[in-house]
């Protein structure tokens, strides 16, 4: 975990080089098709430098966006870059110990973060705890598990240990944690699980 924390802090200032207009457009399309009903308070877990903020801000039913990342420099960059958006808060924290109250969040989004969480089962328990009854969880990647794991293996030694299981395995774990998965999609260019508490 410490290696990951240090790595993400070190690359925070270069992270936006990966956020191309094509990626933002793909994310917008995925949200419009699969996640357009999100509303209320939204937690963006593993927010990085805030790539989702401009997308989430377009949905009028969202009352507050909370950005959470374990890397202090990621949170600082997100705030510097996106802090002008109204009703957006920033927390330097860990997904396995989320500093939010029980039943306080309407939607948890885990975009491009699940394999980087050092204890994903504990994080799922935390997501369940903070979500209101009927709240939604979305785990999203812009590629399938094989493509992502190959990319991680080739990218950096820290990432080589970060493994994303197939979507049906994660959906089953989510089910065991009390969620009801209503969408489970895995393709070469999309990995999405949407579940309800």
Foldseek 3Di string as FASTA:
>chain_A
DVVLQVVLLVCLVVVCVPVDPVNLVVVLVCCVVPPLPFAEEEEEEQCFLPSCVVSVLVRPRHQAYEYEHQHPSRQVNNCVVPVVRPRYHYDNDALLDDPAAFQAHQEYEHEPPQLVHPDNLSSLLSVNRNHHAFGKYKYKYQAFQVLLQVCQCPPDPSSNNRHDDGQVVVCVSNVVSPWAWPDADHDGGMGMTMTGD
